[in-house]
Amino acid sequence: MADIAPSQVHSDASHPLHSSNSASKWFLPLFALVLVCGLGYVAYALARDLTTAVAVPWILLGLALLIALGFEFVNGFHDTANAVATVIYTRSMPAEFAVIWSGFFNFLGVLTSSGAVAFGILALLPVELILQVGSGSGLAMVFALLIAAIVWNLGTWYLGLPSSSSHTLVGSIIGVGLANQFLAPAGTATSGVDWSQATNIGLSLLISPLIGFGLSAVLLLVMKLLVRNKALYAEPKGNQPPPLWIRAILIFTCTGVSFAHGSNDGQKGMGLIMLILIGLVPTAFALNRTPDVNYLEAYKSASAQVETALGKYVKPGVTVSDYKAEVSNAVKNKTWTDATTPALQQYIHQTSAEVAGFPTLEAVPTNLVGNVRNDIYLIGEALKLIDKQKLLPMDAGDLSAVTNYHKAVDNATKFIPLWVKVAVAIALGLGTMVGWKRIVVTVGEKIGKTHLTYGQGAAAEVVAMVTIASADHLGLPVSTTHVLSSGVAGTMAANGSGLQWSTVRNMLMAWVLTLPASIAIAFLLFVIMRQVF
């Protein structure tokens, strides 16, 4: 973030942020139209989905959704406008039109996202809190982590620190997990934080800015060797746009980063909203009521196959008195014993028999939805110990049966309605509307000592686009702010332009402080919230 408001530093009418264009006349009306239509659809779809709910705590639900969308609003405040900085400062697109363009492709990115990042983030949370998300501890978890993330993001924006919403959310989740473990009776809540998942996410957040810096620098140097066009590496002249081919490259990369940002960052809010919906109105959202029409038949077939596969690994003489408790302990402790295998086999058999009694998931009675969902979710977490962590060595064919059944389980419990995606896209767009100038100034002016060139903008955007899209495919969250800003820094270093070390120090300070600060805030808020709920 810039630590000086744009209005204080730009009085030159020729500045790229002040360029005159027709887009400014219809910018706000167009956005208002999209906003009204989007909110209308969200309200209609939510009301339709809630028709199956037994009881709806309207005030609590409204407050929770408002806070969750507030997180995405602040995310847009921080991150989304990074995508337009290069096209604005190279005069490839007028500022207002660039924001509209980026917002549209952010919207498409959100709508087409897979959901892998959303549920990858939620996997950090203690399993017992997810299974009891509608309880007092579950509600305390949701409100504590959301408020902590928003507080830190707004605080760092106010102080001018380029903080990462991804870092903040991960820190908040870890803080809640640690607080839950701290408050729990001795011998319980052993999985306060899934440290294996936390390590993977932490590494992706740590390494991605280094990748942005290094690859952007290398790409710029390679471009200089292969593309001998001085205009590509020169400062833009006056108010004139760049040559057409350069302009096309910059617009393409801006589009790619916008789409990738929506696809990756938008999922974080989706996951949190689904957690809220499952906790507050489980009868409507605990199970995916609209999967493929042939879903149950595929589920029953996959269930039978995995039961047979597990049976091969049950040791003679091993008996289990409480299969659910045995599986729960395995998931909490991330361990596998001889008793876990027959316990999981029995658990799958009983759950499948219960679900098979209904023609579709939509037909499951509302009084059973919560229990069925928790059973299927817990089975899915146990399956991770086999196909992800390899705690039970299996032959390739048997492991394939486990993987297929795991997909069927996730299809029933890990889904995101279209209206949730639309609501998140709108929140991101609103955040961009409010904060884009401040962020654009930081990326365009406060990282390097010289004006951003066409080549530098293209190199940083290409690397950011590929890095974020790859992380989305792998289900890992990355920070758009850090990837793109570190990419710009890398091009400045490679070009010998020099860096503004005050900005670099601020960025490094944010990377160092965000995780411990958000962990501490969320920890404290969870302890307080447990006294409320």
Protein backbone atom coordinates (compact mmCIF):
# COMPACT_ATOMS: atom_id res chain seq x y z
CA MET A 1 0.00 0.00 0.00
CA ALA A 2 1.14 3.54 -0.54
CA ASP A 3 1.76 5.39 2.67
CA ILE A 4 0.72 8.68 1.08
CA ALA A 5 -2.72 9.15 -0.41
CA PRO A 6 -2.67 9.50 -4.20
CA SER A 7 -4.41 12.85 -4.05
CA GLN A 8 -1.42 14.24 -2.15
CA VAL A 9 1.21 13.28 -4.68
CA HIS A 10 -0.40 13.69 -8.08
CA SER A 11 -1.23 17.15 -9.35
CA ASP A 12 0.10 16.65 -12.89
CA ALA A 13 -2.80 16.31 -15.32
CA SER A 14 -0.60 14.17 -17.59
CA HIS A 15 -0.16 11.56 -14.88
CA PRO A 16 -1.58 8.15 -15.97
CA LEU A 17 -4.10 8.20 -13.12
CA HIS A 18 -5.49 11.49 -14.40
CA SER A 19 -5.77 10.67 -18.08
CA SER A 20 -9.04 11.80 -19.58
CA ASN A 21 -11.24 9.14 -21.16
CA SER A 22 -14.87 8.38 -21.80
CA ALA A 23 -14.87 5.40 -19.43
CA SER A 24 -15.06 7.70 -16.41
CA LYS A 25 -18.52 8.89 -17.50
CA TRP A 26 -20.15 5.48 -17.40
CA PHE A 27 -17.84 3.75 -14.91
CA LEU A 28 -20.01 4.24 -11.82
CA PRO A 29 -23.39 3.71 -13.57
CA LEU A 30 -22.16 0.44 -15.08
CA PHE A 31 -20.83 -0.81 -11.78
CA ALA A 32 -24.04 0.22 -10.01
CA LEU A 33 -26.07 -1.78 -12.53
CA VAL A 34 -23.91 -4.87 -12.03
CA LEU A 35 -24.11 -4.41 -8.26
CA VAL A 36 -27.91 -4.16 -8.20
CA CYS A 37 -28.37 -7.18 -10.49
CA GLY A 38 -25.83 -9.23 -8.57
CA LEU A 39 -27.29 -8.46 -5.16
CA GLY A 40 -30.78 -9.19 -6.47
CA TYR A 41 -29.67 -12.60 -7.69
CA VAL A 42 -27.86 -13.36 -4.41
CA ALA A 43 -30.95 -12.44 -2.36
CA TYR A 44 -33.23 -14.55 -4.58
CA ALA A 45 -30.93 -17.61 -4.57
CA LEU A 46 -30.30 -17.44 -0.81
CA ALA A 47 -34.02 -17.19 -0.08
CA ARG A 48 -34.67 -20.15 -2.39
CA ASP A 49 -32.03 -22.30 -0.71
CA LEU A 50 -33.33 -21.42 2.75
CA THR A 51 -36.79 -22.79 1.96
CA THR A 52 -35.52 -26.20 3.11
CA ALA A 53 -34.18 -24.84 6.41
CA VAL A 54 -36.01 -25.78 9.58
CA ALA A 55 -35.05 -22.61 11.47
CA VAL A 56 -32.99 -19.65 10.34
CA PRO A 57 -31.17 -17.39 12.84
CA TRP A 58 -31.57 -14.40 10.54
CA ILE A 59 -29.69 -11.80 12.59
CA LEU A 60 -26.72 -14.07 13.28
CA LEU A 61 -26.64 -15.30 9.69
CA GLY A 62 -26.80 -11.78 8.28
CA LEU A 63 -24.05 -10.56 10.60
CA ALA A 64 -21.78 -13.51 9.80
CA LEU A 65 -22.26 -13.15 6.03
CA LEU A 66 -21.66 -9.40 6.26
CA ILE A 67 -18.36 -9.95 8.09
CA ALA A 68 -17.28 -12.70 5.65
CA LEU A 69 -18.02 -10.49 2.65
CA GLY A 70 -16.28 -7.66 4.50
CA PHE A 71 -13.14 -9.79 4.49
CA GLU A 72 -13.40 -10.17 0.71
CA PHE A 73 -14.06 -6.43 0.40
CA VAL A 74 -10.80 -5.72 2.25
CA ASN A 75 -9.10 -8.39 0.14
CA GLY A 76 -10.09 -6.40 -2.96
CA PHE A 77 -8.94 -3.26 -1.16
CA HIS A 78 -5.50 -4.83 -0.77
CA ASP A 79 -4.95 -7.14 -3.69
CA THR A 80 -7.15 -6.85 -6.76
CA ALA A 81 -5.83 -3.57 -8.14
CA ASN A 82 -2.31 -5.00 -8.44
CA ALA A 83 -3.41 -6.44 -11.76
CA VAL A 84 -4.09 -3.02 -13.31
CA ALA A 85 -0.99 -1.17 -12.13
CA THR A 86 1.18 -2.11 -15.09
CA VAL A 87 -1.39 -1.35 -17.80
CA ILE A 88 -2.15 2.02 -16.21
CA TYR A 89 1.47 3.12 -15.76
CA THR A 90 2.43 1.99 -19.26
CA ARG A 91 -0.70 3.79 -20.59
CA SER A 92 -1.93 0.58 -22.21
CA MET A 93 -5.41 1.23 -20.83
CA PRO A 94 -7.09 4.26 -19.24
CA ALA A 95 -7.31 3.91 -15.46
CA GLU A 96 -11.08 3.65 -15.04
CA PHE A 97 -11.50 1.30 -17.98
CA ALA A 98 -8.65 -0.87 -16.68
CA VAL A 99 -10.45 -1.26 -13.35
CA ILE A 100 -13.69 -2.25 -15.14
CA TRP A 101 -11.78 -4.71 -17.32
CA SER A 102 -9.93 -6.24 -14.36
CA GLY A 103 -13.13 -6.44 -12.31
CA PHE A 104 -14.91 -8.34 -15.08
CA PHE A 105 -12.18 -10.98 -15.35
CA ASN A 106 -11.90 -11.20 -11.57
CA PHE A 107 -15.63 -11.95 -11.65
CA LEU A 108 -15.12 -14.69 -14.25
CA GLY A 109 -12.23 -16.12 -12.24
CA VAL A 110 -14.40 -16.36 -9.14
CA LEU A 111 -17.27 -18.01 -11.03
CA THR A 112 -15.07 -20.65 -12.68
CA SER A 113 -12.95 -21.49 -9.62
CA SER A 114 -12.72 -25.12 -8.52
CA GLY A 115 -13.08 -24.70 -4.76
CA ALA A 116 -9.82 -26.53 -4.04
CA VAL A 117 -8.22 -23.47 -2.43
CA ALA A 118 -11.35 -22.77 -0.37
CA PHE A 119 -11.35 -26.17 1.27
CA GLY A 120 -7.57 -26.31 1.42
CA ILE A 121 -7.67 -23.24 3.68
CA LEU A 122 -10.43 -24.76 5.84
CA ALA A 123 -8.37 -27.94 6.25
CA LEU A 124 -6.15 -25.92 8.61
CA LEU A 125 -8.98 -25.77 11.14
CA PRO A 126 -9.37 -28.39 13.87
CA VAL A 127 -11.66 -31.17 12.64
CA GLU A 128 -13.71 -31.04 15.85
CA LEU A 129 -14.54 -27.38 15.24
CA ILE A 130 -15.66 -28.05 11.67
CA LEU A 131 -17.84 -30.94 12.80
CA GLN A 132 -19.38 -28.70 15.47
CA VAL A 133 -19.44 -25.45 13.54
CA GLY A 134 -22.99 -24.72 14.69
CA SER A 135 -22.03 -24.97 18.35
CA GLY A 136 -20.71 -22.18 20.57
CA SER A 137 -17.09 -23.07 19.84
CA GLY A 138 -17.79 -23.22 16.09
CA LEU A 139 -19.45 -19.80 16.04
CA ALA A 140 -16.62 -18.36 18.14
CA MET A 141 -14.19 -19.79 15.59
CA VAL A 142 -15.94 -18.19 12.61
CA PHE A 143 -16.30 -14.73 14.14
CA ALA A 144 -12.82 -14.70 15.71
CA LEU A 145 -10.91 -15.58 12.56
CA LEU A 146 -12.94 -13.25 10.33
CA ILE A 147 -12.69 -10.25 12.66
CA ALA A 148 -8.98 -10.85 13.25
CA ALA A 149 -8.28 -10.95 9.50
CA ILE A 150 -10.25 -7.76 8.86
CA VAL A 151 -8.68 -5.90 11.80
CA TRP A 152 -5.13 -6.67 10.68
CA ASN A 153 -5.82 -5.94 7.01
CA LEU A 154 -7.39 -2.56 7.77
CA GLY A 155 -4.67 -1.73 10.29
CA THR A 156 -1.86 -2.44 7.83
CA TRP A 157 -3.64 -0.49 5.10
CA TYR A 158 -3.98 2.50 7.42
CA LEU A 159 -0.26 2.31 8.26
CA GLY A 160 0.68 1.89 4.61
CA LEU A 161 2.05 -1.66 4.91
CA PRO A 162 1.53 -3.95 1.86
CA SER A 163 0.00 -6.79 3.84
CA SER A 164 -1.24 -10.05 2.35
CA SER A 165 -4.85 -11.12 2.92
CA SER A 166 -3.74 -14.74 2.43
CA HIS A 167 -1.09 -14.50 5.15
CA THR A 168 -3.61 -12.82 7.44
CA LEU A 169 -6.31 -15.43 6.97
CA VAL A 170 -3.90 -18.33 7.48
CA GLY A 171 -2.55 -16.68 10.64
CA SER A 172 -6.07 -16.13 11.95
CA ILE A 173 -6.98 -19.78 11.38
CA ILE A 174 -3.83 -20.96 13.15
CA GLY A 175 -4.58 -18.60 16.05
CA VAL A 176 -8.08 -20.04 16.41
CA GLY A 177 -6.73 -23.60 16.31
CA LEU A 178 -4.15 -22.87 18.99
CA ALA A 179 -6.76 -21.14 21.18
CA ASN A 180 -9.11 -24.10 20.81
CA GLN A 181 -6.35 -26.44 21.91
CA PHE A 182 -5.42 -24.14 24.79
CA LEU A 183 -9.00 -23.99 26.14
CA ALA A 184 -9.83 -27.68 25.64
CA PRO A 185 -9.70 -30.15 28.55
CA ALA A 186 -6.54 -32.19 28.87
CA GLY A 187 -6.38 -35.05 26.39
CA THR A 188 -8.72 -33.51 23.81
CA ALA A 189 -8.37 -31.23 20.77
CA THR A 190 -5.07 -32.84 19.87
CA SER A 191 -5.43 -31.54 16.33
CA GLY A 192 -5.58 -27.88 17.29
CA VAL A 193 -3.79 -27.11 14.03
CA ASP A 194 -3.13 -29.40 11.08
CA TRP A 195 0.57 -28.59 10.94
CA SER A 196 1.22 -30.63 7.80
CA GLN A 197 -1.36 -28.56 5.90
CA ALA A 198 -0.09 -25.37 7.59
CA THR A 199 3.44 -26.19 6.43
CA ASN A 200 2.33 -26.64 2.81
CA ILE A 201 0.38 -23.39 2.83
CA GLY A 202 3.14 -21.53 4.67
CA LEU A 203 5.71 -22.66 2.11
CA SER A 204 3.48 -21.55 -0.78
CA LEU A 205 3.07 -18.11 0.80
CA LEU A 206 6.80 -17.84 1.53
CA ILE A 207 8.15 -19.15 -1.76
CA SER A 208 5.73 -17.47 -4.19
CA PRO A 209 7.14 -13.92 -3.69
CA LEU A 210 10.67 -15.29 -4.18
CA ILE A 211 9.49 -16.97 -7.37
CA GLY A 212 7.90 -13.67 -8.45
CA PHE A 213 11.13 -11.75 -7.84
CA GLY A 214 13.51 -14.28 -9.39
CA LEU A 215 11.52 -15.37 -12.43
CA SER A 216 10.49 -11.82 -13.33
CA ALA A 217 14.11 -10.72 -13.27
CA VAL A 218 15.19 -13.69 -15.38
CA LEU A 219 12.32 -13.22 -17.84
CA LEU A 220 13.21 -9.56 -18.37
CA LEU A 221 16.86 -10.44 -19.06
CA VAL A 222 15.79 -13.16 -21.51
CA MET A 223 13.47 -10.69 -23.24
CA LYS A 224 16.35 -8.25 -23.64
CA LEU A 225 18.41 -10.96 -25.34
CA LEU A 226 15.67 -12.19 -27.65
CA VAL A 227 13.61 -9.06 -28.37
CA ARG A 228 15.91 -6.25 -29.47
CA ASN A 229 13.37 -3.47 -29.46
CA LYS A 230 14.45 -0.44 -27.46
CA ALA A 231 10.88 0.82 -27.13
CA LEU A 232 10.05 -2.21 -24.99
CA TYR A 233 12.55 -1.17 -22.31
CA ALA A 234 12.12 2.59 -22.45
CA GLU A 235 9.97 4.82 -20.26
CA PRO A 236 6.57 5.62 -21.85
CA LYS A 237 6.63 8.89 -23.80
CA GLY A 238 4.02 11.48 -22.81
CA ASN A 239 0.38 10.40 -22.96
CA GLN A 240 0.79 8.11 -25.95
CA PRO A 241 -0.06 4.41 -25.58
CA PRO A 242 2.66 1.85 -26.38
CA PRO A 243 3.00 0.15 -29.79
CA LEU A 244 0.07 -2.14 -30.55
CA TRP A 245 1.93 -5.44 -30.05
CA ILE A 246 3.32 -4.35 -26.68
CA ARG A 247 -0.07 -3.06 -25.64
CA ALA A 248 -1.67 -6.40 -26.55
CA ILE A 249 0.86 -8.29 -24.40
CA LEU A 250 0.29 -6.02 -21.40
CA ILE A 251 -3.51 -6.22 -21.68
CA PHE A 252 -3.31 -10.01 -22.01
CA THR A 253 -1.16 -10.34 -18.89
CA CYS A 254 -3.40 -7.94 -16.94
CA THR A 255 -6.37 -10.07 -17.96
CA GLY A 256 -4.61 -13.26 -16.89
CA VAL A 257 -3.60 -11.91 -13.48
CA SER A 258 -7.13 -10.59 -12.89
CA PHE A 259 -8.68 -13.95 -13.77
CA ALA A 260 -6.13 -15.89 -11.70
CA HIS A 261 -6.61 -13.55 -8.74
CA GLY A 262 -10.37 -14.04 -8.77
CA SER A 263 -9.95 -17.79 -9.10
CA ASN A 264 -7.48 -18.03 -6.18
CA ASP A 265 -8.20 -15.25 -3.70
CA GLY A 266 -11.96 -15.34 -4.16
CA GLN A 267 -12.06 -18.90 -2.91
CA LYS A 268 -10.93 -17.92 0.57
CA GLY A 269 -14.14 -16.01 1.19
CA MET A 270 -16.18 -18.82 -0.39
CA GLY A 271 -14.81 -21.36 2.06
CA LEU A 272 -15.58 -19.12 5.03
CA ILE A 273 -19.11 -18.44 3.83
CA MET A 274 -19.77 -22.16 3.40
CA LEU A 275 -18.51 -22.73 6.94
CA ILE A 276 -21.00 -20.13 8.17
CA LEU A 277 -23.89 -21.59 6.18
CA ILE A 278 -23.18 -25.14 7.34
CA GLY A 279 -22.99 -24.00 10.95
CA LEU A 280 -26.05 -21.75 11.05
CA VAL A 281 -28.42 -23.47 8.60
CA PRO A 282 -27.14 -27.05 8.26
CA THR A 283 -30.45 -28.40 6.98
CA ALA A 284 -30.04 -26.31 3.82
CA PHE A 285 -26.27 -26.39 3.24
CA ALA A 286 -24.66 -29.32 5.08
CA LEU A 287 -25.05 -31.63 2.07
CA ASN A 288 -24.85 -30.91 -1.63
CA ARG A 289 -28.52 -31.29 -2.54
CA THR A 290 -27.95 -30.85 -6.27
CA PRO A 291 -25.15 -33.16 -7.42
CA ASP A 292 -25.32 -35.18 -10.63
CA VAL A 293 -28.52 -37.26 -10.90
CA ASN A 294 -26.44 -40.43 -10.99
CA TYR A 295 -24.40 -39.39 -7.95
CA LEU A 296 -25.87 -41.84 -5.43
CA GLU A 297 -25.37 -44.83 -7.69
CA ALA A 298 -21.74 -43.82 -8.23
CA TYR A 299 -21.36 -43.24 -4.49
CA LYS A 300 -22.70 -46.69 -3.59
CA SER A 301 -20.45 -48.35 -6.16
CA ALA A 302 -17.36 -46.49 -4.94
CA SER A 303 -18.30 -47.33 -1.34
CA ALA A 304 -18.52 -51.06 -2.06
CA GLN A 305 -15.15 -50.99 -3.82
CA VAL A 306 -13.37 -49.21 -0.98
CA GLU A 307 -14.90 -51.56 1.61
CA THR A 308 -13.49 -54.51 -0.33
CA ALA A 309 -10.12 -52.80 -0.64
CA LEU A 310 -9.89 -52.02 3.08
CA GLY A 311 -10.91 -55.58 3.93
CA LYS A 312 -7.63 -56.83 2.46
CA TYR A 313 -5.69 -54.91 5.11
CA VAL A 314 -7.70 -55.89 8.20
CA LYS A 315 -5.50 -58.00 10.45
CA PRO A 316 -7.00 -61.22 11.91
CA GLY A 317 -8.35 -60.98 15.44
CA VAL A 318 -8.62 -57.17 15.49
CA THR A 319 -12.03 -56.02 16.72
CA VAL A 320 -13.48 -52.54 17.25
CA SER A 321 -16.20 -51.66 19.76
CA ASP A 322 -16.77 -48.02 18.68
CA TYR A 323 -15.79 -47.51 15.05
CA LYS A 324 -16.67 -43.80 14.99
CA ALA A 325 -14.54 -43.01 18.04
CA GLU A 326 -11.62 -44.97 16.59
CA VAL A 327 -11.78 -43.09 13.27
CA SER A 328 -12.15 -39.75 15.10
CA ASN A 329 -9.02 -40.45 17.15
CA ALA A 330 -7.08 -41.38 14.03
CA VAL A 331 -8.07 -38.12 12.34
CA LYS A 332 -7.30 -35.99 15.40
CA ASN A 333 -3.91 -37.58 16.07
CA LYS A 334 -2.94 -38.16 12.41
CA THR A 335 -2.07 -41.76 13.26
CA TRP A 336 -3.10 -45.18 11.93
CA THR A 337 -3.37 -48.34 14.03
CA ASP A 338 -4.45 -51.90 13.31
CA ALA A 339 -7.88 -51.01 14.71
CA THR A 340 -8.32 -48.01 12.40
CA THR A 341 -8.66 -50.12 9.26
CA PRO A 342 -11.67 -52.23 10.34
CA ALA A 343 -13.17 -49.17 12.07
CA LEU A 344 -13.08 -47.15 8.85
CA GLN A 345 -14.46 -50.10 6.90
CA GLN A 346 -17.42 -50.39 9.30
CA TYR A 347 -17.96 -46.63 9.32
CA ILE A 348 -18.12 -46.49 5.52
CA HIS A 349 -20.49 -49.47 5.42
CA GLN A 350 -22.91 -47.98 7.97
CA THR A 351 -22.90 -44.51 6.42
CA SER A 352 -23.40 -45.84 2.89
CA ALA A 353 -26.26 -48.03 4.05
CA GLU A 354 -27.92 -44.99 5.62
CA VAL A 355 -27.51 -42.81 2.52
CA ALA A 356 -28.53 -45.63 0.15
CA GLY A 357 -31.99 -45.63 1.70
CA PHE A 358 -32.83 -42.42 -0.15
CA PRO A 359 -33.18 -41.89 -3.92
CA THR A 360 -31.17 -38.63 -3.88
CA LEU A 361 -29.25 -36.51 -1.40
CA GLU A 362 -32.05 -33.98 -1.65
CA ALA A 363 -34.39 -36.59 -0.20
CA VAL A 364 -32.39 -37.01 3.01
CA PRO A 365 -34.69 -35.85 5.87
CA THR A 366 -33.70 -32.50 7.37
CA ASN A 367 -33.31 -34.03 10.85
CA LEU A 368 -30.61 -36.37 9.50
CA VAL A 369 -28.72 -33.96 7.26
CA GLY A 370 -26.31 -32.69 9.94
CA ASN A 371 -25.35 -36.15 11.16
CA VAL A 372 -24.97 -37.59 7.66
CA ARG A 373 -22.81 -34.65 6.65
CA ASN A 374 -20.53 -35.01 9.69
CA ASP A 375 -20.17 -38.75 9.09
CA ILE A 376 -19.24 -38.28 5.43
CA TYR A 377 -16.88 -35.39 6.25
CA LEU A 378 -15.09 -37.40 8.97
CA ILE A 379 -14.70 -40.35 6.59
CA GLY A 380 -13.18 -37.96 4.04
CA GLU A 381 -10.65 -36.70 6.58
CA ALA A 382 -9.73 -40.30 7.43
CA LEU A 383 -9.25 -41.12 3.75
CA LYS A 384 -6.66 -38.29 3.57
CA LEU A 385 -4.49 -40.32 5.91
CA ILE A 386 -4.39 -43.03 3.25
CA ASP A 387 -4.26 -41.29 -0.13
CA LYS A 388 -2.46 -38.11 0.96
CA GLN A 389 -0.27 -39.08 3.92
CA LYS A 390 0.18 -42.77 3.01
CA LEU A 391 -0.23 -43.97 6.60
CA LEU A 392 -1.74 -47.22 5.34
CA PRO A 393 0.43 -48.67 2.54
CA MET A 394 -1.82 -50.06 -0.20
CA ASP A 395 -1.46 -51.57 -3.66
CA ALA A 396 -2.07 -49.23 -6.60
CA GLY A 397 -5.46 -50.75 -7.42
CA ASP A 398 -6.72 -50.53 -3.84
CA LEU A 399 -5.40 -47.00 -3.51
CA SER A 400 -7.31 -46.06 -6.67
CA ALA A 401 -10.53 -47.32 -5.03
CA VAL A 402 -9.81 -45.12 -2.00
CA THR A 403 -9.17 -42.09 -4.21
CA ASN A 404 -12.38 -42.60 -6.19
CA TYR A 405 -14.44 -42.91 -3.02
CA HIS A 406 -12.70 -39.84 -1.58
CA LYS A 407 -13.84 -37.82 -4.61
CA ALA A 408 -17.42 -39.01 -4.10
CA VAL A 409 -17.28 -38.01 -0.43
CA ASP A 410 -15.91 -34.54 -1.24
CA ASN A 411 -18.64 -34.04 -3.84
CA ALA A 412 -21.25 -34.43 -1.12
CA THR A 413 -19.69 -32.13 1.49
CA LYS A 414 -17.37 -29.71 -0.33
CA PHE A 415 -19.45 -27.63 -2.72
CA ILE A 416 -20.05 -23.94 -3.36
CA PRO A 417 -23.41 -22.62 -4.65
CA LEU A 418 -23.28 -20.15 -7.55
CA TRP A 419 -24.79 -17.33 -5.48
CA VAL A 420 -21.89 -17.56 -3.01
CA LYS A 421 -19.44 -17.04 -5.88
CA VAL A 422 -21.45 -14.07 -7.15
CA ALA A 423 -21.54 -12.48 -3.68
CA VAL A 424 -17.77 -12.88 -3.28
CA ALA A 425 -17.14 -11.43 -6.75
CA ILE A 426 -19.23 -8.37 -5.89
CA ALA A 427 -17.37 -7.86 -2.59
CA LEU A 428 -14.01 -8.07 -4.37
CA GLY A 429 -15.21 -5.54 -6.95
CA LEU A 430 -16.40 -3.08 -4.32
CA GLY A 431 -13.08 -3.34 -2.51
CA THR A 432 -11.23 -2.62 -5.73
CA MET A 433 -13.43 0.43 -6.37
CA VAL A 434 -12.42 1.92 -3.03
CA GLY A 435 -8.74 1.05 -2.86
CA TRP A 436 -7.39 0.73 -6.36
CA LYS A 437 -5.60 4.10 -6.69
CA ARG A 438 -3.65 3.73 -3.49
CA ILE A 439 -2.43 0.26 -4.43
CA VAL A 440 -1.64 1.19 -8.03
CA VAL A 441 0.59 4.06 -6.86
CA THR A 442 2.60 1.69 -4.67
CA VAL A 443 3.25 -0.81 -7.45
CA GLY A 444 3.76 1.79 -10.19
CA GLU A 445 5.85 4.37 -8.35
CA LYS A 446 7.12 3.32 -4.94
CA ILE A 447 9.01 0.07 -5.63
CA GLY A 448 11.58 1.16 -8.23
CA LYS A 449 13.41 4.45 -8.61
CA THR A 450 12.49 4.82 -12.27
CA HIS A 451 9.24 4.73 -14.23
CA LEU A 452 7.90 1.25 -14.99
CA THR A 453 8.75 0.24 -18.58
CA TYR A 454 6.66 -1.90 -20.94
CA GLY A 455 9.03 -4.85 -20.65
CA GLN A 456 9.11 -4.70 -16.86
CA GLY A 457 5.33 -4.59 -16.66
CA ALA A 458 4.94 -7.54 -19.04
CA ALA A 459 7.57 -9.68 -17.27
CA ALA A 460 6.09 -9.10 -13.81
CA GLU A 461 2.52 -9.75 -15.01
CA VAL A 462 3.39 -12.94 -16.91
CA VAL A 463 5.15 -14.44 -13.91
CA ALA A 464 2.35 -13.39 -11.55
CA MET A 465 -0.31 -14.85 -13.86
CA VAL A 466 1.48 -18.21 -14.16
CA THR A 467 2.35 -18.41 -10.45
CA ILE A 468 -1.17 -17.66 -9.21
CA ALA A 469 -2.81 -19.97 -11.77
CA SER A 470 -0.43 -22.80 -10.83
CA ALA A 471 -1.17 -22.31 -7.14
CA ASP A 472 -4.89 -22.39 -7.89
CA HIS A 473 -4.48 -25.70 -9.74
CA LEU A 474 -2.59 -27.16 -6.76
CA GLY A 475 -5.16 -25.86 -4.26
CA LEU A 476 -2.64 -23.56 -2.53
CA PRO A 477 -3.26 -19.93 -1.56
CA VAL A 478 -0.78 -17.27 -2.63
CA SER A 479 -0.67 -13.51 -2.19
CA THR A 480 -1.30 -11.54 -5.37
CA THR A 481 0.12 -8.45 -3.65
CA HIS A 482 3.42 -10.10 -2.85
CA VAL A 483 3.82 -12.05 -6.09
CA LEU A 484 3.25 -9.05 -8.34
CA SER A 485 5.02 -6.44 -6.23
CA SER A 486 8.03 -8.72 -5.78
CA GLY A 487 7.92 -9.33 -9.54
CA VAL A 488 8.12 -5.58 -10.20
CA ALA A 489 11.00 -5.37 -7.71
CA GLY A 490 12.76 -8.20 -9.55
CA THR A 491 12.49 -6.40 -12.89
CA MET A 492 13.79 -3.19 -11.35
CA ALA A 493 16.79 -5.04 -9.92
CA ALA A 494 17.48 -6.84 -13.22
CA ASN A 495 17.20 -3.59 -15.15
CA GLY A 496 19.60 -1.79 -12.83
CA SER A 497 16.89 0.77 -12.08
CA GLY A 498 17.38 0.64 -8.35
CA LEU A 499 14.85 -0.05 -5.59
CA GLN A 500 13.16 2.26 -3.12
CA TRP A 501 14.31 0.48 0.00
CA SER A 502 11.76 2.15 2.25
CA THR A 503 9.01 0.35 0.31
CA VAL A 504 10.96 -2.91 0.25
CA ARG A 505 11.49 -2.69 4.02
CA ASN A 506 7.76 -2.14 4.52
CA MET A 507 6.99 -5.18 2.41
CA LEU A 508 9.45 -7.34 4.35
CA MET A 509 8.09 -6.01 7.63
CA ALA A 510 4.57 -7.01 6.60
CA TRP A 511 5.75 -10.51 5.66
CA VAL A 512 7.47 -10.91 9.06
CA LEU A 513 4.72 -9.41 11.23
CA THR A 514 1.50 -10.56 9.57
CA LEU A 515 1.50 -14.20 10.67
CA PRO A 516 2.41 -13.69 14.36
CA ALA A 517 0.17 -10.64 14.69
CA SER A 518 -2.89 -12.29 13.11
CA ILE A 519 -2.28 -15.45 15.17
CA ALA A 520 -2.22 -13.40 18.37
CA ILE A 521 -5.33 -11.36 17.50
CA ALA A 522 -7.35 -14.44 16.52
CA PHE A 523 -6.19 -16.33 19.63
CA LEU A 524 -7.35 -13.49 21.90
CA LEU A 525 -10.65 -13.02 20.06
CA PHE A 526 -11.46 -16.74 20.22
CA VAL A 527 -10.90 -16.79 23.97
CA ILE A 528 -13.22 -13.78 24.32
CA MET A 529 -15.83 -15.17 21.92
CA ARG A 530 -16.02 -18.43 23.84
CA GLN A 531 -17.40 -16.41 26.74
CA VAL A 532 -20.11 -15.01 24.43
CA PHE A 533 -21.22 -18.15 22.54
